[in-house]
Amino acid sequence: MTRTSSSPLAEGSPRTCGLGPRVAAVLVFGSSAAVLVVEIVALRLLAPYLGLTLETSTMVIGIALTAIALGSWLGGLIADRVEPRRLIGPALGVSGAGVALTPAALRATAEWAPAMLFLIASLTILVPGALLAAVTPIVTKLRLTSLAETGTVVGRLSGVGTVGAIVGTVLTGFVFVSRWPVSGILIGLGTLLLAGSALIEWRTRGWSGTPALSMVVVAGGLATTVVPGSCDTETRYHCVQVVADPVRDGGRTLVLDGVRHSYVDTDDPTFLKFAYVRAMASVIDSSFPEGAPLAAHHLGGGGLTLPRYLAATRSGTRSTVSEIDGGVVRLDRNQLGLRSVPGTEVRVEDGRLGLRRLEAGSRDLIVGDAFGGVSVPWHLTTAEAMADVRRVLNEDGLYIANLIDHGDLAFARAEVATLRRTFKHVSLIGRPADIGVAPSGTPVGGNMVVLASSRPVDLRKIQEALDARQIGWRIATGETLTSWIGDAQLLTDDYAPVDQLLQPRAQLAR
């Protein structure tokens, strides 16, 4: 019988792939999982430079889906025209090299050519993602030996690919990111893909394959160690740096995803550097009896600047803190002296869930200073969340929150309008031009502090405290605040477009 082109190769020729159902399942499962690992880790890698916002997440997800669509289409198209066995090894090898080089490429671009960051980020997701997505139609082509089993083969491999994507997502979110730096995850994944490529090439062509790509992976790993990076520590949620103050021996700045979140002086917790923290302290000092201990709850921990201040100025104060990032809490303990702060309990939990666990009327003070990237997590801004804040406060309790906005301040106006729906007394503290109390001037945005309570507060006394700290901020309330709010929409659990309301902004000190 005459041999066809699909028959086994003659003796002495390179070995054939012999793609069985198990090998096919492993290839589809692994390549699909790898696409999701790259997508999730890319979000972490880009956060210090683009911020961890809805827009960044949408961009990365959109590029990843484009890569999957493009790879699936082109992979199937090429597999119909080229011997499929010869495509799998190169697809895995080139994608592995690209994945391994991603940390060095992105960090070098962010440092030396930031205008190119979006393009390079897109390519580092699109190219490896498309090559990995192409594996499924290539493998499917190899497994389709009979029209009678088309549905079975396609359905099985599609299901295996989906399971692989799920496993890649779960492992990355719950295991990889919490145990290894993102650069290590990507270099490790690139190495695995390259090893798979070498194995496929050996079975297909009879040689160990891809020595040049092996050198690329090694070079990528070495480059990551010398290319400037933004992280001292990577946690589940943040890229973290602790920057020493060259002027004050105990001064430390906590930087999360490239944004200065907290400044603490481990030798003098009463030293407050950031203007918004000094404004918050002025409100607290003016609204409660001097030195009286408080029962306080803090939404967001960061460097725990205010809990330290309260412990130092109001002996006996009990502060509980909801901080979602356990890695930040460990850093607070190990590098920022948290163990020496009396009366402070830090709970690793979501702020909204933490509020629900608190008893009604159990707190004198609640401080809102939780941020994801450069915006408040939306579920901590809504009328329902503020109702829970009101429930936890006692009748004389006070809620103060740090707001950040730019441009026309649409988010800040919406948040203040939402607070007015819940609390009888609401005031806003900020730069005169920003809060509408200056006769002229263009708003520049940045930090503002909103205060809300069921009892009246002494605004004159607060203003005196602000002036004593030389902040230069003023207070808007009453009709002035009503005019400033305008027709701002209320934020609810059903509708809270916080990221869309926030204007484009530069990296700023919180």
Protein backbone atom coordinates (compact mmCIF):
# COMPACT_ATOMS: atom_id res chain seq x y z
CA MET A 1 0.00 0.00 0.00
CA THR A 2 1.29 3.45 -0.88
CA ARG A 3 2.23 5.66 2.08
CA THR A 4 0.48 9.03 2.45
CA SER A 5 1.97 12.22 3.84
CA SER A 6 0.30 11.54 7.18
CA SER A 7 1.91 8.12 7.61
CA PRO A 8 4.81 7.53 10.03
CA LEU A 9 8.13 8.85 8.77
CA ALA A 10 10.75 6.48 7.41
CA GLU A 11 13.50 5.09 9.59
CA GLY A 12 16.19 7.68 10.27
CA SER A 13 13.78 10.59 9.99
CA PRO A 14 12.89 12.73 13.01
CA ARG A 15 10.41 11.22 15.43
CA THR A 16 6.74 12.01 15.08
CA CYS A 17 4.80 13.69 17.82
CA GLY A 18 2.40 10.80 18.37
CA LEU A 19 -0.16 13.15 19.93
CA GLY A 20 -2.46 11.02 22.09
CA PRO A 21 -5.54 12.21 23.99
CA ARG A 22 -3.63 12.72 27.25
CA VAL A 23 -0.84 14.74 25.66
CA ALA A 24 -3.44 16.80 23.82
CA ALA A 25 -5.32 17.48 27.06
CA VAL A 26 -2.12 18.49 28.87
CA LEU A 27 -1.14 20.92 26.10
CA VAL A 28 -4.58 22.57 25.93
CA PHE A 29 -4.94 22.66 29.73
CA GLY A 30 -1.48 24.12 30.26
CA SER A 31 -1.61 26.74 27.52
CA SER A 32 -5.06 27.93 28.61
CA ALA A 33 -3.93 28.17 32.23
CA ALA A 34 -0.82 30.10 31.17
CA VAL A 35 -2.89 32.76 29.38
CA LEU A 36 -4.80 33.55 32.58
CA VAL A 37 -1.65 33.54 34.71
CA VAL A 38 -0.11 36.12 32.36
CA GLU A 39 -3.27 38.24 32.43
CA ILE A 40 -3.57 38.38 36.22
CA VAL A 41 0.13 38.89 36.88
CA ALA A 42 0.26 41.64 34.22
CA LEU A 43 -2.28 43.58 36.29
CA ARG A 44 0.05 43.39 39.30
CA LEU A 45 3.07 44.32 37.22
CA LEU A 46 1.40 47.39 35.71
CA ALA A 47 -0.26 48.68 38.91
CA PRO A 48 2.76 50.72 40.12
CA TYR A 49 2.82 52.62 36.83
CA LEU A 50 -0.82 52.83 35.67
CA GLY A 51 -2.65 52.41 38.97
CA LEU A 52 -4.92 49.60 40.06
CA THR A 53 -8.11 51.04 38.58
CA LEU A 54 -11.09 49.77 36.67
CA GLU A 55 -9.61 51.25 33.51
CA THR A 56 -6.34 49.34 33.96
CA SER A 57 -8.19 46.09 34.66
CA THR A 58 -10.46 46.63 31.66
CA MET A 59 -7.48 47.31 29.40
CA VAL A 60 -5.63 44.16 30.46
CA ILE A 61 -8.73 41.97 30.20
CA GLY A 62 -9.55 43.43 26.79
CA ILE A 63 -6.04 42.79 25.47
CA ALA A 64 -6.06 39.24 26.86
CA LEU A 65 -9.42 38.48 25.22
CA THR A 66 -8.12 39.96 21.96
CA ALA A 67 -5.09 37.69 22.20
CA ILE A 68 -7.29 34.64 22.77
CA ALA A 69 -9.54 35.50 19.84
CA LEU A 70 -6.63 36.31 17.52
CA GLY A 71 -4.65 33.23 18.53
CA SER A 72 -7.62 30.89 18.14
CA TRP A 73 -8.44 32.24 14.69
CA LEU A 74 -4.90 32.34 13.31
CA GLY A 75 -3.94 29.06 14.98
CA GLY A 76 -6.76 27.25 13.25
CA LEU A 77 -6.09 29.00 9.95
CA ILE A 78 -2.37 28.13 9.92
CA ALA A 79 -2.98 24.57 11.15
CA ASP A 80 -5.02 23.96 8.00
CA ARG A 81 -2.06 25.02 5.82
CA VAL A 82 1.03 23.84 7.73
CA GLU A 83 1.85 20.51 9.35
CA PRO A 84 0.37 21.10 12.86
CA ARG A 85 3.05 19.06 14.64
CA ARG A 86 5.65 21.64 13.60
CA LEU A 87 3.69 24.54 15.11
CA ILE A 88 3.28 23.52 18.76
CA GLY A 89 6.94 23.68 19.81
CA PRO A 90 7.66 27.14 18.37
CA ALA A 91 4.39 28.51 19.77
CA LEU A 92 5.30 27.37 23.28
CA GLY A 93 8.92 28.43 22.97
CA VAL A 94 8.37 31.95 21.66
CA SER A 95 5.55 32.57 24.13
CA GLY A 96 7.77 31.30 26.96
CA ALA A 97 10.56 33.67 26.00
CA GLY A 98 8.09 36.55 25.77
CA VAL A 99 6.59 35.78 29.17
CA ALA A 100 10.01 35.52 30.82
CA LEU A 101 11.10 38.85 29.34
CA THR A 102 7.93 40.69 30.37
CA PRO A 103 9.09 41.97 33.82
CA ALA A 104 12.33 43.39 32.47
CA ALA A 105 10.61 44.87 29.40
CA LEU A 106 7.85 46.61 31.35
CA ARG A 107 10.07 47.94 34.12
CA ALA A 108 12.70 49.21 31.71
CA THR A 109 10.02 50.91 29.61
CA ALA A 110 8.39 52.50 32.66
CA GLU A 111 11.76 53.82 33.79
CA TRP A 112 13.25 55.02 30.52
CA ALA A 113 10.40 55.40 28.00
CA PRO A 114 7.12 55.81 29.92
CA ALA A 115 5.32 57.13 26.83
CA MET A 116 5.76 53.67 25.29
CA LEU A 117 4.44 51.77 28.32
CA PHE A 118 0.94 51.19 26.97
CA LEU A 119 2.29 49.82 23.67
CA ILE A 120 4.87 47.55 25.31
CA ALA A 121 2.35 46.35 27.90
CA SER A 122 -0.10 45.51 25.13
CA LEU A 123 2.51 43.55 23.19
CA THR A 124 3.74 41.60 26.23
CA ILE A 125 0.17 40.38 26.81
CA LEU A 126 -0.98 40.10 23.19
CA VAL A 127 1.91 38.17 21.63
CA PRO A 128 2.36 35.40 24.24
CA GLY A 129 -1.40 35.22 24.77
CA ALA A 130 -2.10 34.76 21.05
CA LEU A 131 0.60 32.09 20.68
CA LEU A 132 -0.71 30.19 23.70
CA ALA A 133 -4.31 30.48 22.51
CA ALA A 134 -3.23 29.08 19.13
CA VAL A 135 -2.25 25.79 20.77
CA THR A 136 -5.87 24.68 21.22
CA PRO A 137 -6.92 24.80 17.53
CA ILE A 138 -3.57 23.27 16.50
CA VAL A 139 -4.01 20.38 18.91
CA THR A 140 -7.65 20.00 17.88
CA LYS A 141 -6.56 19.69 14.25
CA LEU A 142 -4.16 16.89 15.22
CA ARG A 143 -6.83 15.03 17.17
CA LEU A 144 -9.50 15.19 14.44
CA THR A 145 -8.91 11.87 12.71
CA SER A 146 -12.54 11.24 11.81
CA LEU A 147 -15.58 13.42 11.08
CA ALA A 148 -17.63 11.05 13.21
CA GLU A 149 -15.90 12.26 16.39
CA THR A 150 -15.62 15.99 15.61
CA GLY A 151 -18.12 17.06 18.23
CA THR A 152 -16.55 14.86 20.91
CA VAL A 153 -12.99 16.04 20.24
CA VAL A 154 -13.84 19.73 19.96
CA GLY A 155 -16.13 19.65 23.00
CA ARG A 156 -13.64 17.74 25.15
CA LEU A 157 -10.70 20.00 24.32
CA SER A 158 -12.83 23.12 24.75
CA GLY A 159 -13.85 21.90 28.20
CA VAL A 160 -10.26 21.04 29.12
CA GLY A 161 -9.14 24.51 28.04
CA THR A 162 -11.84 26.16 30.15
CA VAL A 163 -10.86 24.10 33.20
CA GLY A 164 -7.23 25.06 32.61
CA ALA A 165 -8.17 28.75 32.54
CA ILE A 166 -10.09 28.35 35.81
CA VAL A 167 -7.21 26.55 37.50
CA GLY A 168 -4.72 29.16 36.27
CA THR A 169 -6.92 31.95 37.65
CA VAL A 170 -7.45 30.32 41.05
CA LEU A 171 -3.83 29.29 41.55
CA THR A 172 -2.54 32.74 40.60
CA GLY A 173 -4.97 34.63 42.82
CA PHE A 174 -4.79 32.39 45.87
CA VAL A 175 -1.36 30.75 45.70
CA PHE A 176 1.23 32.20 43.33
CA VAL A 177 0.90 35.92 44.08
CA SER A 178 0.93 35.34 47.83
CA ARG A 179 4.11 33.25 47.69
CA TRP A 180 6.32 34.58 44.90
CA PRO A 181 7.12 37.96 43.33
CA VAL A 182 5.42 38.62 40.01
CA SER A 183 8.76 38.58 38.19
CA GLY A 184 9.46 35.12 39.62
CA ILE A 185 6.03 33.87 38.53
CA LEU A 186 6.53 35.04 34.96
CA ILE A 187 10.11 33.79 34.65
CA GLY A 188 9.07 30.44 36.12
CA LEU A 189 6.13 30.18 33.72
CA GLY A 190 8.36 31.13 30.80
CA THR A 191 10.81 28.41 31.79
CA LEU A 192 8.04 25.79 31.96
CA LEU A 193 6.76 26.81 28.53
CA LEU A 194 10.26 26.63 27.12
CA ALA A 195 10.74 23.17 28.63
CA GLY A 196 7.49 22.06 27.02
CA SER A 197 8.66 23.48 23.72
CA ALA A 198 11.96 21.58 23.94
CA LEU A 199 10.15 18.34 24.70
CA ILE A 200 7.77 18.76 21.76
CA GLU A 201 10.64 19.67 19.45
CA TRP A 202 12.59 16.60 20.56
CA ARG A 203 9.65 14.32 19.81
CA THR A 204 8.87 16.06 16.51
CA ARG A 205 12.32 16.78 15.07
CA GLY A 206 14.62 14.60 17.14
CA TRP A 207 16.72 17.40 18.67
CA SER A 208 16.83 19.10 22.04
CA GLY A 209 15.62 22.33 20.42
CA THR A 210 15.47 26.01 21.49
CA PRO A 211 18.94 26.61 22.97
CA ALA A 212 18.73 30.22 21.84
CA LEU A 213 15.40 30.68 23.60
CA SER A 214 16.89 29.11 26.72
CA MET A 215 19.48 31.87 26.74
CA VAL A 216 16.71 34.44 26.30
CA VAL A 217 14.94 33.15 29.41
CA VAL A 218 18.18 33.23 31.41
CA ALA A 219 18.91 36.74 30.15
CA GLY A 220 15.38 37.80 31.04
CA GLY A 221 15.81 36.55 34.57
CA LEU A 222 19.13 38.32 34.98
CA ALA A 223 17.76 41.54 33.47
CA THR A 224 14.92 41.57 35.99
CA THR A 225 17.46 41.72 38.81
CA VAL A 226 19.13 44.86 37.44
CA VAL A 227 16.27 46.71 35.79
CA PRO A 228 14.82 49.28 38.20
CA GLY A 229 11.75 47.98 39.99
CA SER A 230 9.23 49.67 42.24
CA CYS A 231 8.81 46.99 44.89
CA ASP A 232 10.58 46.13 48.10
CA THR A 233 7.81 43.60 48.79
CA GLU A 234 4.92 42.26 46.74
CA THR A 235 1.75 41.38 48.61
CA ARG A 236 -1.54 39.96 47.38
CA TYR A 237 -2.78 43.45 46.60
CA HIS A 238 0.15 45.83 46.31
CA CYS A 239 3.67 46.52 45.21
CA VAL A 240 5.15 47.93 48.44
CA GLN A 241 8.08 50.20 49.20
CA VAL A 242 9.22 51.72 52.48
CA VAL A 243 11.24 54.88 51.88
CA ALA A 244 13.35 56.35 54.67
CA ASP A 245 13.15 60.09 55.35
CA PRO A 246 16.63 61.59 54.90
CA VAL A 247 15.75 64.38 57.33
CA ARG A 248 14.03 62.55 60.23
CA ASP A 249 15.68 59.41 61.61
CA GLY A 250 12.36 57.70 62.39
CA GLY A 251 10.53 58.94 59.31
CA ARG A 252 9.22 56.34 56.87
CA THR A 253 6.96 56.69 53.83
CA LEU A 254 4.82 53.71 52.85
CA VAL A 255 4.42 53.54 49.06
CA LEU A 256 1.76 51.24 47.61
CA ASP A 257 1.65 50.76 43.83
CA GLY A 258 3.71 53.89 43.31
CA VAL A 259 1.49 56.14 45.46
CA ARG A 260 2.58 57.54 48.83
CA HIS A 261 -0.06 56.21 51.20
CA SER A 262 1.30 56.90 54.67
CA TYR A 263 4.06 58.72 56.48
CA VAL A 264 4.97 57.60 59.98
CA ASP A 265 7.65 58.66 62.42
CA THR A 266 8.41 55.63 64.55
CA ASP A 267 10.17 57.85 67.10
CA ASP A 268 7.46 60.54 67.28
CA PRO A 269 3.92 59.40 66.32
CA THR A 270 2.60 62.93 66.88
CA PHE A 271 4.57 64.20 63.88
CA LEU A 272 2.12 64.31 60.97
CA LYS A 273 3.55 65.12 57.54
CA PHE A 274 0.69 64.86 55.05
CA ALA A 275 -1.74 67.79 55.03
CA TYR A 276 -4.88 65.64 55.00
CA VAL A 277 -3.69 63.73 58.09
CA ARG A 278 -3.04 67.01 59.91
CA ALA A 279 -6.56 68.10 58.92
CA MET A 280 -8.05 64.89 60.30
CA ALA A 281 -6.12 65.32 63.54
CA SER A 282 -7.39 68.90 63.80
CA VAL A 283 -10.98 67.69 63.48
CA ILE A 284 -10.49 64.99 66.13
CA ASP A 285 -8.68 67.27 68.56
CA SER A 286 -11.39 69.93 68.22
CA SER A 287 -14.42 67.65 68.37
CA PHE A 288 -13.64 65.55 71.45
CA PRO A 289 -12.45 66.54 74.94
CA GLU A 290 -8.69 66.97 75.10
CA GLY A 291 -6.87 63.76 76.01
CA ALA A 292 -10.08 61.73 76.41
CA PRO A 293 -9.74 58.11 75.20
CA LEU A 294 -11.83 57.14 72.19
CA ALA A 295 -13.28 53.98 70.73
CA ALA A 296 -12.20 54.28 67.10
CA HIS A 297 -12.46 52.19 63.96
CA HIS A 298 -10.34 52.73 60.86
CA LEU A 299 -11.35 51.68 57.34
CA GLY A 300 -7.96 51.07 55.80
CA GLY A 301 -4.69 50.74 57.67
CA GLY A 302 -1.72 51.64 55.50
CA GLY A 303 1.05 52.76 57.87
CA LEU A 304 -1.46 53.28 60.74
CA THR A 305 -0.54 56.95 61.15
CA LEU A 306 -3.76 58.01 62.91
CA PRO A 307 -4.01 54.98 65.24
CA ARG A 308 -0.45 55.81 66.36
CA TYR A 309 -1.39 59.45 66.86
CA LEU A 310 -4.48 58.59 68.91
CA ALA A 311 -2.53 56.15 71.08
CA ALA A 312 0.10 58.84 71.76
CA THR A 313 -2.27 61.75 72.43
CA ARG A 314 -5.25 59.96 74.03
CA SER A 315 -4.03 57.30 76.42
CA GLY A 316 -6.47 54.40 76.68
CA THR A 317 -7.84 54.79 73.16
CA ARG A 318 -8.99 51.54 71.56
CA SER A 319 -8.51 51.42 67.80
CA THR A 320 -9.61 48.60 65.53
CA VAL A 321 -8.40 48.65 61.94
CA SER A 322 -9.81 46.88 58.88
CA GLU A 323 -6.90 46.36 56.47
CA ILE A 324 -7.48 43.96 53.60
CA ASP A 325 -3.81 43.40 52.78
CA GLY A 326 -2.16 41.02 55.23
CA GLY A 327 1.20 41.73 53.59
CA VAL A 328 0.96 45.41 54.54
CA VAL A 329 0.08 44.42 58.12
CA ARG A 330 3.17 42.17 58.31
CA LEU A 331 5.29 45.03 57.01
CA ASP A 332 3.75 47.36 59.64
CA ARG A 333 4.80 44.91 62.33
CA ASN A 334 8.26 44.14 61.00
CA GLN A 335 9.42 47.52 59.69
CA LEU A 336 7.13 50.24 61.02
CA GLY A 337 6.90 49.37 64.73
CA LEU A 338 3.24 48.31 64.90
CA ARG A 339 3.90 46.06 67.91
CA SER A 340 4.67 49.13 70.03
CA VAL A 341 1.30 50.83 69.37
CA PRO A 342 -0.91 50.23 72.45
CA GLY A 343 -4.64 49.57 72.19
CA THR A 344 -4.56 48.90 68.44
CA GLU A 345 -6.05 45.76 66.90
CA VAL A 346 -5.54 45.22 63.18
CA ARG A 347 -7.91 42.84 61.44
CA VAL A 348 -7.07 41.50 58.00
CA GLU A 349 -10.48 41.92 56.40
CA ASP A 350 -12.51 43.85 53.85
CA GLY A 351 -13.62 47.18 55.27
CA ARG A 352 -17.31 46.76 54.40
CA LEU A 353 -17.43 43.31 55.98
CA GLY A 354 -15.56 44.63 59.00
CA LEU A 355 -18.20 47.30 59.52
CA ARG A 356 -20.95 44.69 59.59
CA ARG A 357 -19.24 42.88 62.45
CA LEU A 358 -19.20 45.94 64.72
CA GLU A 359 -21.95 46.51 67.26
CA ALA A 360 -24.40 49.38 66.88
CA GLY A 361 -23.38 52.55 68.71
CA SER A 362 -19.98 51.09 69.64
CA ARG A 363 -17.63 53.74 68.22
CA ASP A 364 -16.88 57.41 68.92
CA LEU A 365 -14.92 57.80 65.72
CA ILE A 366 -14.71 56.10 62.32
CA VAL A 367 -11.93 57.08 59.92
CA GLY A 368 -12.27 56.32 56.20
CA ASP A 369 -8.89 56.04 54.51
CA ALA A 370 -9.08 52.90 52.38
CA PHE A 371 -7.76 53.04 48.83
CA GLY A 372 -7.36 50.59 46.00
CA GLY A 373 -4.74 52.18 43.79
CA VAL A 374 -5.70 55.86 43.80
CA SER A 375 -9.45 55.56 44.41
CA VAL A 376 -11.68 54.54 47.27
CA PRO A 377 -13.07 51.02 46.79
CA TRP A 378 -16.53 51.75 45.42
CA HIS A 379 -18.40 49.61 47.97
CA LEU A 380 -17.12 51.89 50.76
CA THR A 381 -18.63 55.00 49.15
CA THR A 382 -22.32 54.12 48.84
CA ALA A 383 -25.39 55.19 50.80
CA GLU A 384 -25.70 51.64 52.14
CA ALA A 385 -22.10 51.68 53.41
CA MET A 386 -22.64 55.09 55.01
CA ALA A 387 -25.78 53.79 56.71
CA ASP A 388 -23.63 51.08 58.27
CA VAL A 389 -21.14 53.73 59.40
CA ARG A 390 -23.98 55.64 61.01
CA ARG A 391 -25.22 52.48 62.73
CA VAL A 392 -21.83 51.79 64.31
CA LEU A 393 -21.30 55.36 65.57
CA ASN A 394 -22.82 56.46 68.86
CA GLU A 395 -24.97 59.61 69.05
CA ASP A 396 -21.93 61.86 69.50
CA GLY A 397 -19.81 59.91 67.04
CA LEU A 398 -17.94 61.41 64.10
CA TYR A 399 -17.06 60.03 60.67
CA ILE A 400 -14.10 61.58 58.84
CA ALA A 401 -12.83 60.40 55.47
CA ASN A 402 -10.02 61.18 53.06
CA LEU A 403 -11.23 61.96 49.53
CA ILE A 404 -9.04 62.32 46.45
CA ASP A 405 -10.27 63.78 43.18
CA HIS A 406 -9.20 66.02 40.31
CA GLY A 407 -10.75 67.86 37.38
CA ASP A 408 -14.34 68.82 38.09
CA LEU A 409 -14.27 66.81 41.35
CA ALA A 410 -17.26 64.71 40.28
CA PHE A 411 -16.48 61.83 42.65
CA ALA A 412 -15.92 64.08 45.67
CA ARG A 413 -19.21 65.89 45.02
CA ALA A 414 -21.06 62.59 44.68
CA GLU A 415 -19.56 61.22 47.91
CA VAL A 416 -20.45 64.35 49.89
CA ALA A 417 -23.97 64.29 48.46
CA THR A 418 -24.27 60.65 49.53
CA LEU A 419 -23.13 61.45 53.05
CA ARG A 420 -25.71 64.21 53.30
CA ARG A 421 -28.39 61.63 52.68
CA THR A 422 -27.31 59.76 55.85
CA PHE A 423 -25.97 62.38 58.27
CA LYS A 424 -27.56 65.59 59.51
CA HIS A 425 -24.31 67.53 59.72
CA VAL A 426 -21.76 67.33 56.89
CA SER A 427 -18.80 69.62 56.19
CA LEU A 428 -15.90 69.55 53.75
CA ILE A 429 -12.33 70.67 54.43
CA GLY A 430 -9.85 71.44 51.68
CA ARG A 431 -8.09 74.08 49.66
CA PRO A 432 -10.35 77.12 49.29
CA ALA A 433 -10.50 76.91 45.49
CA ASP A 434 -11.31 73.20 45.59
CA ILE A 435 -14.26 73.43 47.96
CA GLY A 436 -15.84 76.61 46.60
CA VAL A 437 -15.07 79.04 49.41
CA ALA A 438 -12.54 81.14 47.49
CA PRO A 439 -13.91 84.14 45.54
CA SER A 440 -11.76 83.09 42.59
CA GLY A 441 -9.29 80.42 41.67
CA THR A 442 -9.21 77.21 39.68
CA PRO A 443 -9.64 73.91 41.53
CA VAL A 444 -6.46 71.85 41.48
CA GLY A 445 -7.81 68.78 43.25
CA GLY A 446 -5.97 66.34 45.43
CA ASN A 447 -6.87 65.50 49.01
CA MET A 448 -9.96 66.71 50.85
CA VAL A 449 -11.43 65.67 54.19
CA VAL A 450 -15.14 65.22 54.72
CA LEU A 451 -16.66 65.07 58.19
CA ALA A 452 -20.15 63.86 59.04
CA SER A 453 -22.08 63.43 62.28
CA SER A 454 -25.51 63.41 63.84
CA ARG A 455 -24.49 66.21 66.22
CA PRO A 456 -23.21 69.68 65.40
CA VAL A 457 -19.47 70.23 65.63
CA ASP A 458 -17.64 73.45 66.47
CA LEU A 459 -16.45 74.52 63.03
CA ARG A 460 -14.82 77.67 64.37
CA LYS A 461 -12.70 75.61 66.73
CA ILE A 462 -11.76 73.22 63.92
CA GLN A 463 -10.72 76.15 61.72
CA GLU A 464 -8.53 77.48 64.53
CA ALA A 465 -6.86 74.08 64.81
CA LEU A 466 -6.30 74.00 61.04
CA ASP A 467 -4.75 77.45 61.16
CA ALA A 468 -2.52 76.45 64.07
CA ARG A 469 -1.11 73.62 61.96
CA GLN A 470 -0.62 76.06 59.04
CA ILE A 471 -2.41 73.84 56.54
CA GLY A 472 -4.09 76.67 54.65
CA TRP A 473 -7.36 74.75 54.27
CA ARG A 474 -10.88 76.04 54.87
CA ILE A 475 -14.28 74.55 55.72
CA ALA A 476 -17.36 74.49 53.46
CA THR A 477 -20.78 73.82 54.96
CA GLY A 478 -24.43 74.87 54.68
CA GLU A 479 -25.47 76.67 51.51
CA THR A 480 -21.89 76.98 50.32
CA LEU A 481 -21.56 73.20 50.38
CA THR A 482 -24.98 72.74 48.76
CA SER A 483 -23.92 74.99 45.89
CA TRP A 484 -20.61 73.13 45.58
CA ILE A 485 -22.36 69.74 45.40
CA GLY A 486 -24.71 70.92 42.67
CA ASP A 487 -26.62 68.11 40.96
CA ALA A 488 -24.13 65.38 41.90
CA GLN A 489 -25.58 61.88 41.78
CA LEU A 490 -25.96 59.68 44.84
CA LEU A 491 -23.79 56.59 45.07
CA THR A 492 -25.60 53.34 45.88
CA ASP A 493 -24.75 49.65 45.89
CA ASP A 494 -26.71 49.45 42.65
CA TYR A 495 -24.92 52.35 40.95
CA ALA A 496 -21.50 53.61 42.02
CA PRO A 497 -19.28 54.43 38.99
CA VAL A 498 -16.43 55.67 41.19
CA ASP A 499 -13.62 54.99 38.72
CA GLN A 500 -15.49 56.76 35.94
CA LEU A 501 -16.20 59.80 38.12
CA LEU A 502 -12.57 60.19 39.04
CA GLN A 503 -10.61 62.36 36.64
CA PRO A 504 -7.20 61.46 35.13
CA ARG A 505 -4.62 62.32 37.74
CA ALA A 506 -0.92 62.32 38.38
CA GLN A 507 0.74 60.20 41.03
CA LEU A 508 0.15 62.12 44.23
CA ALA A 509 0.76 62.00 47.94
CA ARG A 510 -2.10 60.71 49.96
